Amino acid sequence: MDRGAALKRVLFLKGLPDNMRAEVAAAGFERRLGAGEMLFAEGDRVIGLLVVLSGAVRVYKLDSRGRSMTLFVDRPGSSVLDLRHFDGGNYPAHAEACEDATSVLIVPRDRFQALLAAHPEIVAGAVRSLAIQTRKLIEMLKAQALDTVRARLAAYLLNSAGDERTFPLQETNEAIGSQVGTVREVISRTLNALEEARLIERRGRVITLLDRDGLRRIAERQT
């Protein structure tokens, strides 16, 4: 994808006149990366505006055990963590090419800041972009939180069962929720999901473990 076509797809630049986007394109240069090659690391100073022209860039976080969680995969026409330009911070995550022949347009930070000062319309577009990205992150965090509850509830069920396959739940869903860090309604939904997945069977408050190994695998995902 050429520079003009890529910039026309960037959320906070797409509404600009063609001549203004042409200024942005002319201010940058292209960098090519192979699969697995780092674009930047968490904590690095912001490079500038980064727009994917070909291939794909994965943005991810690492936990204390070195496990990665993908936040975004940016493809041609996407900008990479562009909002760092507006809060003055460093990069909050790592980014690397996840396909061979990945190409990124880089508009250096000082040049892009000069463009922002000359064209306040770019900043107005960024506000809209921020609202959309915030919504996406909230949905991602919600899904991650529910996965954690599922893991903790699986561990709770395994611990309650001991060596038995069938056992009664001695506590209310509210009490269970207080132990695994959630509320009664989420416990009810999660039990339903485990039953639909044929991991457990319920008869009132009596639980039968149908797939102990499956529950154990889920429980191991706790953070």
C-alpha atoms as a PDB file:
ATOM      1  CA  MET A   1       0.000   0.000   0.000  1.00  0.00           C
ATOM      2  CA  ASP A   2       1.427   3.410  -0.905  1.00  0.00           C
ATOM      3  CA  ARG A   3       1.785   6.216   1.641  1.00  0.00           C
ATOM      4  CA  GLY A   4      -1.210   8.223   0.456  1.00  0.00           C
ATOM      5  CA  ALA A   5      -3.592   5.241   0.532  1.00  0.00           C
ATOM      6  CA  ALA A   6      -2.340   4.164   3.964  1.00  0.00           C
ATOM      7  CA  LEU A   7      -2.715   7.615   5.527  1.00  0.00           C
ATOM      8  CA  LYS A   8      -6.217   7.902   4.077  1.00  0.00           C
ATOM      9  CA  ARG A   9      -7.203   4.896   6.236  1.00  0.00           C
ATOM     10  CA  VAL A  10      -5.684   6.177   9.497  1.00  0.00           C
ATOM     11  CA  LEU A  11      -8.620   7.034  11.737  1.00  0.00           C
ATOM     12  CA  PHE A  12      -7.530  10.514  12.810  1.00  0.00           C
ATOM     13  CA  LEU A  13      -6.131  11.475   9.380  1.00  0.00           C
ATOM     14  CA  LYS A  14      -8.799  10.159   7.012  1.00  0.00           C
ATOM     15  CA  GLY A  15     -10.940  13.306   7.226  1.00  0.00           C
ATOM     16  CA  LEU A  16      -8.110  15.651   6.233  1.00  0.00           C
ATOM     17  CA  PRO A  17      -7.786  17.242   2.783  1.00  0.00           C
ATOM     18  CA  ASP A  18      -5.524  15.337   0.375  1.00  0.00           C
ATOM     19  CA  ASN A  19      -2.871  18.077   0.355  1.00  0.00           C
ATOM     20  CA  MET A  20      -2.592  17.941   4.161  1.00  0.00           C
ATOM     21  CA  ARG A  21      -2.126  14.161   4.150  1.00  0.00           C
ATOM     22  CA  ALA A  22       0.468  14.632   1.401  1.00  0.00           C
ATOM     23  CA  GLU A  23       2.442  16.857   3.803  1.00  0.00           C
ATOM     24  CA  VAL A  24       2.378  14.083   6.405  1.00  0.00           C
ATOM     25  CA  ALA A  25       3.503  11.506   3.822  1.00  0.00           C
ATOM     26  CA  ALA A  26       6.367  13.704   2.598  1.00  0.00           C
ATOM     27  CA  ALA A  27       7.649  14.208   6.152  1.00  0.00           C
ATOM     28  CA  GLY A  28       8.320  10.504   6.679  1.00  0.00           C
ATOM     29  CA  PHE A  29      10.513   7.620   5.564  1.00  0.00           C
ATOM     30  CA  GLU A  30       9.924   3.879   5.257  1.00  0.00           C
ATOM     31  CA  ARG A  31      11.418   1.122   7.396  1.00  0.00           C
ATOM     32  CA  ARG A  32      11.277  -2.560   6.466  1.00  0.00           C
ATOM     33  CA  LEU A  33      11.182  -5.340   9.082  1.00  0.00           C
ATOM     34  CA  GLY A  34      11.261  -9.129   9.041  1.00  0.00           C
ATOM     35  CA  ALA A  35       8.943 -11.306  11.120  1.00  0.00           C
ATOM     36  CA  GLY A  36       9.883 -11.025  14.810  1.00  0.00           C
ATOM     37  CA  GLU A  37      11.937  -7.849  14.365  1.00  0.00           C
ATOM     38  CA  MET A  38      11.227  -5.224  17.037  1.00  0.00           C
ATOM     39  CA  LEU A  39       9.793  -1.872  16.063  1.00  0.00           C
ATOM     40  CA  PHE A  40      10.049  -0.535  19.632  1.00  0.00           C
ATOM     41  CA  ALA A  41      10.128  -1.830  23.216  1.00  0.00           C
ATOM     42  CA  GLU A  42       8.023  -0.840  26.212  1.00  0.00           C
ATOM     43  CA  GLY A  43       9.479   2.277  27.829  1.00  0.00           C
ATOM     44  CA  ASP A  44      11.184   3.510  24.647  1.00  0.00           C
ATOM     45  CA  ARG A  45      10.807   7.157  23.700  1.00  0.00           C
ATOM     46  CA  VAL A  46       8.158   7.739  21.051  1.00  0.00           C
ATOM     47  CA  ILE A  47       9.680   7.406  17.564  1.00  0.00           C
ATOM     48  CA  GLY A  48       7.043   9.354  15.701  1.00  0.00           C
ATOM     49  CA  LEU A  49       3.917   8.605  13.718  1.00  0.00           C
ATOM     50  CA  LEU A  50       4.056   4.943  12.640  1.00  0.00           C
ATOM     51  CA  VAL A  51       1.736   3.730   9.874  1.00  0.00           C
ATOM     52  CA  VAL A  52       1.801   0.165   8.557  1.00  0.00           C
ATOM     53  CA  LEU A  53       2.207   0.034   4.761  1.00  0.00           C
ATOM     54  CA  SER A  54       2.512  -3.738   4.326  1.00  0.00           C
ATOM     55  CA  GLY A  55       2.620  -6.858   6.495  1.00  0.00           C
ATOM     56  CA  ALA A  56       1.523  -6.557  10.123  1.00  0.00           C
ATOM     57  CA  VAL A  57       2.762  -5.220  13.478  1.00  0.00           C
ATOM     58  CA  ARG A  58       1.830  -6.887  16.776  1.00  0.00           C
ATOM     59  CA  VAL A  59       1.559  -4.690  19.891  1.00  0.00           C
ATOM     60  CA  TYR A  60       1.851  -6.709  23.098  1.00  0.00           C
ATOM     61  CA  LYS A  61       2.592  -6.704  26.836  1.00  0.00           C
ATOM     62  CA  LEU A  62       4.809  -9.116  28.780  1.00  0.00           C
ATOM     63  CA  ASP A  63       4.036 -10.304  32.314  1.00  0.00           C
ATOM     64  CA  SER A  64       6.571 -11.137  35.032  1.00  0.00           C
ATOM     65  CA  ARG A  65       6.864 -14.711  33.723  1.00  0.00           C
ATOM     66  CA  GLY A  66       7.594 -13.580  30.183  1.00  0.00           C
ATOM     67  CA  ARG A  67       4.172 -14.498  28.813  1.00  0.00           C
ATOM     68  CA  SER A  68       2.821 -12.134  26.179  1.00  0.00           C
ATOM     69  CA  MET A  69      -0.676 -10.766  25.693  1.00  0.00           C
ATOM     70  CA  THR A  70      -1.480  -9.297  22.302  1.00  0.00           C
ATOM     71  CA  LEU A  71      -3.206  -5.924  22.499  1.00  0.00           C
ATOM     72  CA  PHE A  72      -3.515  -5.148  18.788  1.00  0.00           C
ATOM     73  CA  VAL A  73      -2.376  -6.429  15.411  1.00  0.00           C
ATOM     74  CA  ASP A  74      -2.010  -3.420  13.123  1.00  0.00           C
ATOM     75  CA  ARG A  75      -2.265  -4.031   9.375  1.00  0.00           C
ATOM     76  CA  PRO A  76      -1.835  -1.752   6.329  1.00  0.00           C
ATOM     77  CA  GLY A  77      -3.571   1.564   6.916  1.00  0.00           C
ATOM     78  CA  SER A  78      -3.336   1.328  10.713  1.00  0.00           C
ATOM     79  CA  SER A  79      -1.234   3.605  12.906  1.00  0.00           C
ATOM     80  CA  VAL A  80       0.709   2.051  15.796  1.00  0.00           C
ATOM     81  CA  LEU A  81      -0.003   3.510  19.267  1.00  0.00           C
ATOM     82  CA  ASP A  82      -0.468   6.931  17.717  1.00  0.00           C
ATOM     83  CA  LEU A  83      -1.955   8.510  20.849  1.00  0.00           C
ATOM     84  CA  ARG A  84       1.454   8.552  22.546  1.00  0.00           C
ATOM     85  CA  HIS A  85       2.043  11.767  20.590  1.00  0.00           C
ATOM     86  CA  PHE A  86      -0.649  13.570  22.541  1.00  0.00           C
ATOM     87  CA  ASP A  87       0.189  12.662  26.160  1.00  0.00           C
ATOM     88  CA  GLY A  88       3.957  13.006  25.999  1.00  0.00           C
ATOM     89  CA  GLY A  89       4.567   9.533  27.445  1.00  0.00           C
ATOM     90  CA  ASN A  90       6.836   6.691  26.362  1.00  0.00           C
ATOM     91  CA  TYR A  91       5.559   3.512  24.721  1.00  0.00           C
ATOM     92  CA  PRO A  92       3.446   1.415  27.142  1.00  0.00           C
ATOM     93  CA  ALA A  93       3.974  -1.862  25.242  1.00  0.00           C
ATOM     94  CA  HIS A  94       6.248  -3.694  22.814  1.00  0.00           C
ATOM     95  CA  ALA A  95       5.736  -3.802  19.040  1.00  0.00           C
ATOM     96  CA  GLU A  96       7.237  -6.175  16.504  1.00  0.00           C
ATOM     97  CA  ALA A  97       6.615  -7.250  12.926  1.00  0.00           C
ATOM     98  CA  CYS A  98       4.622 -10.478  12.824  1.00  0.00           C
ATOM     99  CA  GLU A  99       4.946 -11.032   9.076  1.00  0.00           C
ATOM    100  CA  ASP A 100       7.889 -10.953   6.704  1.00  0.00           C
ATOM    101  CA  ALA A 101       8.177  -7.969   4.370  1.00  0.00           C
ATOM    102  CA  THR A 102       6.504  -5.655   6.868  1.00  0.00           C
ATOM    103  CA  SER A 103       6.944  -1.993   5.959  1.00  0.00           C
ATOM    104  CA  VAL A 104       6.196   0.984   8.214  1.00  0.00           C
ATOM    105  CA  LEU A 105       6.027   4.686   7.366  1.00  0.00           C
ATOM    106  CA  ILE A 106       7.780   6.671  10.104  1.00  0.00           C
ATOM    107  CA  VAL A 107       7.202  10.403  10.486  1.00  0.00           C
ATOM    108  CA  PRO A 108       9.812  11.417  13.122  1.00  0.00           C
ATOM    109  CA  ARG A 109       8.421  12.876  16.329  1.00  0.00           C
ATOM    110  CA  ASP A 110       9.749  16.412  15.841  1.00  0.00           C
ATOM    111  CA  ARG A 111       8.385  16.624  12.293  1.00  0.00           C
ATOM    112  CA  PHE A 112       4.999  15.263  13.356  1.00  0.00           C
ATOM    113  CA  GLN A 113       4.812  17.721  16.262  1.00  0.00           C
ATOM    114  CA  ALA A 114       5.417  20.543  13.783  1.00  0.00           C
ATOM    115  CA  LEU A 115       2.569  19.229  11.620  1.00  0.00           C
ATOM    116  CA  LEU A 116       0.271  19.113  14.667  1.00  0.00           C
ATOM    117  CA  ALA A 117       1.074  22.729  15.454  1.00  0.00           C
ATOM    118  CA  ALA A 118       0.426  23.783  11.860  1.00  0.00           C
ATOM    119  CA  HIS A 119      -2.796  21.756  11.464  1.00  0.00           C
ATOM    120  CA  PRO A 120      -5.045  21.645  14.578  1.00  0.00           C
ATOM    121  CA  GLU A 121      -7.502  19.548  12.537  1.00  0.00           C
ATOM    122  CA  ILE A 122      -5.221  16.569  13.161  1.00  0.00           C
ATOM    123  CA  VAL A 123      -5.659  16.963  16.935  1.00  0.00           C
ATOM    124  CA  ALA A 124      -9.445  17.128  16.557  1.00  0.00           C
ATOM    125  CA  GLY A 125      -9.357  13.842  14.666  1.00  0.00           C
ATOM    126  CA  ALA A 126      -7.212  12.327  17.409  1.00  0.00           C
ATOM    127  CA  VAL A 127      -9.917  13.027  20.002  1.00  0.00           C
ATOM    128  CA  ARG A 128     -12.335  10.876  18.003  1.00  0.00           C
ATOM    129  CA  SER A 129      -9.676   8.191  17.664  1.00  0.00           C
ATOM    130  CA  LEU A 130      -9.094   8.220  21.437  1.00  0.00           C
ATOM    131  CA  ALA A 131     -12.786   7.610  22.130  1.00  0.00           C
ATOM    132  CA  ILE A 132     -12.876   4.600  19.788  1.00  0.00           C
ATOM    133  CA  GLN A 133      -9.663   3.058  21.148  1.00  0.00           C
ATOM    134  CA  THR A 134     -10.842   3.532  24.743  1.00  0.00           C
ATOM    135  CA  ARG A 135     -14.036   1.613  23.957  1.00  0.00           C
ATOM    136  CA  LYS A 136     -12.035  -1.252  22.446  1.00  0.00           C
ATOM    137  CA  LEU A 137      -9.710  -1.440  25.461  1.00  0.00           C
ATOM    138  CA  ILE A 138     -12.651  -1.532  27.887  1.00  0.00           C
ATOM    139  CA  GLU A 139     -14.133  -4.493  26.010  1.00  0.00           C
ATOM    140  CA  MET A 140     -10.761  -6.258  26.025  1.00  0.00           C
ATOM    141  CA  LEU A 141     -10.305  -5.723  29.768  1.00  0.00           C
ATOM    142  CA  LYS A 142     -13.830  -6.946  30.425  1.00  0.00           C
ATOM    143  CA  ALA A 143     -13.141 -10.162  28.504  1.00  0.00           C
ATOM    144  CA  GLN A 144      -9.842 -10.662  30.330  1.00  0.00           C
ATOM    145  CA  ALA A 145     -11.512 -10.192  33.727  1.00  0.00           C
ATOM    146  CA  LEU A 146     -14.173 -12.767  32.888  1.00  0.00           C
ATOM    147  CA  ASP A 147     -11.473 -15.248  31.806  1.00  0.00           C
ATOM    148  CA  THR A 148      -9.785 -14.781  35.186  1.00  0.00           C
ATOM    149  CA  VAL A 149     -13.068 -15.461  37.022  1.00  0.00           C
ATOM    150  CA  ARG A 150     -13.539 -18.631  34.952  1.00  0.00           C
ATOM    151  CA  ALA A 151     -10.053 -19.808  35.946  1.00  0.00           C
ATOM    152  CA  ARG A 152     -10.576 -19.075  39.654  1.00  0.00           C
ATOM    153  CA  LEU A 153     -13.986 -20.736  39.686  1.00  0.00           C
ATOM    154  CA  ALA A 154     -12.549 -23.835  38.000  1.00  0.00           C
ATOM    155  CA  ALA A 155      -9.900 -23.987  40.733  1.00  0.00           C
ATOM    156  CA  TYR A 156     -12.590 -23.526  43.397  1.00  0.00           C
ATOM    157  CA  LEU A 157     -14.628 -26.432  41.991  1.00  0.00           C
ATOM    158  CA  LEU A 158     -11.602 -28.724  41.799  1.00  0.00           C
ATOM    159  CA  ASN A 159     -10.655 -27.872  45.376  1.00  0.00           C
ATOM    160  CA  SER A 160     -14.233 -28.397  46.605  1.00  0.00           C
ATOM    161  CA  ALA A 161     -14.485 -31.764  44.857  1.00  0.00           C
ATOM    162  CA  GLY A 162     -11.281 -33.168  46.311  1.00  0.00           C
ATOM    163  CA  ASP A 163     -11.154 -36.798  45.146  1.00  0.00           C
ATOM    164  CA  GLU A 164     -14.892 -36.956  44.474  1.00  0.00           C
ATOM    165  CA  ARG A 165     -16.521 -36.677  41.066  1.00  0.00           C
ATOM    166  CA  THR A 166     -19.885 -35.539  42.435  1.00  0.00           C
ATOM    167  CA  PHE A 167     -20.218 -33.173  45.378  1.00  0.00           C
ATOM    168  CA  PRO A 168     -22.594 -30.524  46.775  1.00  0.00           C
ATOM    169  CA  LEU A 169     -21.792 -26.820  46.679  1.00  0.00           C
ATOM    170  CA  GLN A 170     -21.737 -25.898  50.361  1.00  0.00           C
ATOM    171  CA  GLU A 171     -21.689 -22.123  49.811  1.00  0.00           C
ATOM    172  CA  THR A 172     -24.038 -19.730  48.045  1.00  0.00           C
ATOM    173  CA  ASN A 173     -23.010 -18.151  44.749  1.00  0.00           C
ATOM    174  CA  GLU A 174     -22.570 -14.880  46.616  1.00  0.00           C
ATOM    175  CA  ALA A 175     -20.138 -16.502  49.056  1.00  0.00           C
ATOM    176  CA  ILE A 176     -18.271 -18.200  46.211  1.00  0.00           C
ATOM    177  CA  GLY A 177     -18.060 -14.851  44.412  1.00  0.00           C
ATOM    178  CA  SER A 178     -16.439 -13.235  47.422  1.00  0.00           C
ATOM    179  CA  GLN A 179     -13.730 -15.902  47.342  1.00  0.00           C
ATOM    180  CA  VAL A 180     -12.931 -15.649  43.632  1.00  0.00           C
ATOM    181  CA  GLY A 181     -13.233 -11.866  43.379  1.00  0.00           C
ATOM    182  CA  THR A 182     -16.553 -11.302  41.648  1.00  0.00           C
ATOM    183  CA  VAL A 183     -20.305 -11.089  42.274  1.00  0.00           C
ATOM    184  CA  ARG A 184     -23.136 -13.627  42.458  1.00  0.00           C
ATOM    185  CA  GLU A 185     -24.466 -12.919  38.960  1.00  0.00           C
ATOM    186  CA  VAL A 186     -21.077 -13.577  37.339  1.00  0.00           C
ATOM    187  CA  ILE A 187     -20.726 -16.857  39.256  1.00  0.00           C
ATOM    188  CA  SER A 188     -24.129 -17.966  37.936  1.00  0.00           C
ATOM    189  CA  ARG A 189     -23.192 -17.076  34.349  1.00  0.00           C
ATOM    190  CA  THR A 190     -19.809 -18.771  34.631  1.00  0.00           C
ATOM    191  CA  LEU A 191     -21.329 -21.992  36.027  1.00  0.00           C
ATOM    192  CA  ASN A 192     -23.746 -21.966  33.099  1.00  0.00           C
ATOM    193  CA  ALA A 193     -20.829 -21.527  30.669  1.00  0.00           C
ATOM    194  CA  LEU A 194     -18.899 -24.428  32.235  1.00  0.00           C
ATOM    195  CA  GLU A 195     -21.983 -26.618  31.985  1.00  0.00           C
ATOM    196  CA  GLU A 196     -22.602 -25.655  28.352  1.00  0.00           C
ATOM    197  CA  ALA A 197     -18.975 -26.562  27.631  1.00  0.00           C
ATOM    198  CA  ARG A 198     -19.667 -30.028  29.118  1.00  0.00           C
ATOM    199  CA  LEU A 199     -17.051 -29.543  31.815  1.00  0.00           C
ATOM    200  CA  ILE A 200     -19.558 -29.944  34.649  1.00  0.00           C
ATOM    201  CA  GLU A 201     -23.126 -31.072  35.183  1.00  0.00           C
ATOM    202  CA  ARG A 202     -25.492 -29.522  37.735  1.00  0.00           C
ATOM    203  CA  ARG A 203     -28.498 -30.885  39.551  1.00  0.00           C
ATOM    204  CA  GLY A 204     -29.573 -28.078  41.829  1.00  0.00           C
ATOM    205  CA  ARG A 205     -26.555 -27.426  44.061  1.00  0.00           C
ATOM    206  CA  VAL A 206     -24.922 -30.768  43.271  1.00  0.00           C
ATOM    207  CA  ILE A 207     -21.996 -30.625  40.840  1.00  0.00           C
ATOM    208  CA  THR A 208     -20.562 -33.488  38.788  1.00  0.00           C
ATOM    209  CA  LEU A 209     -17.157 -32.983  37.189  1.00  0.00           C
ATOM    210  CA  LEU A 210     -17.398 -34.289  33.620  1.00  0.00           C
ATOM    211  CA  ASP A 211     -13.940 -33.165  32.496  1.00  0.00           C
ATOM    212  CA  ARG A 212     -11.512 -32.742  35.391  1.00  0.00           C
ATOM    213  CA  ASP A 213      -8.533 -32.276  33.083  1.00  0.00           C
ATOM    214  CA  GLY A 214     -10.339 -29.530  31.152  1.00  0.00           C
ATOM    215  CA  LEU A 215     -11.134 -27.699  34.393  1.00  0.00           C
ATOM    216  CA  ARG A 216      -7.525 -28.087  35.489  1.00  0.00           C
ATOM    217  CA  ARG A 217      -6.286 -26.506  32.259  1.00  0.00           C
ATOM    218  CA  ILE A 218      -8.636 -23.560  32.776  1.00  0.00           C
ATOM    219  CA  ALA A 219      -7.561 -23.194  36.419  1.00  0.00           C
ATOM    220  CA  GLU A 220      -3.914 -22.963  35.390  1.00  0.00           C
ATOM    221  CA  ARG A 221      -4.647 -19.695  33.547  1.00  0.00           C
ATOM    222  CA  GLN A 222      -5.066 -17.786  36.834  1.00  0.00           C
ATOM    223  CA  THR A 223      -2.967 -14.647  37.198  1.00  0.00           C
END
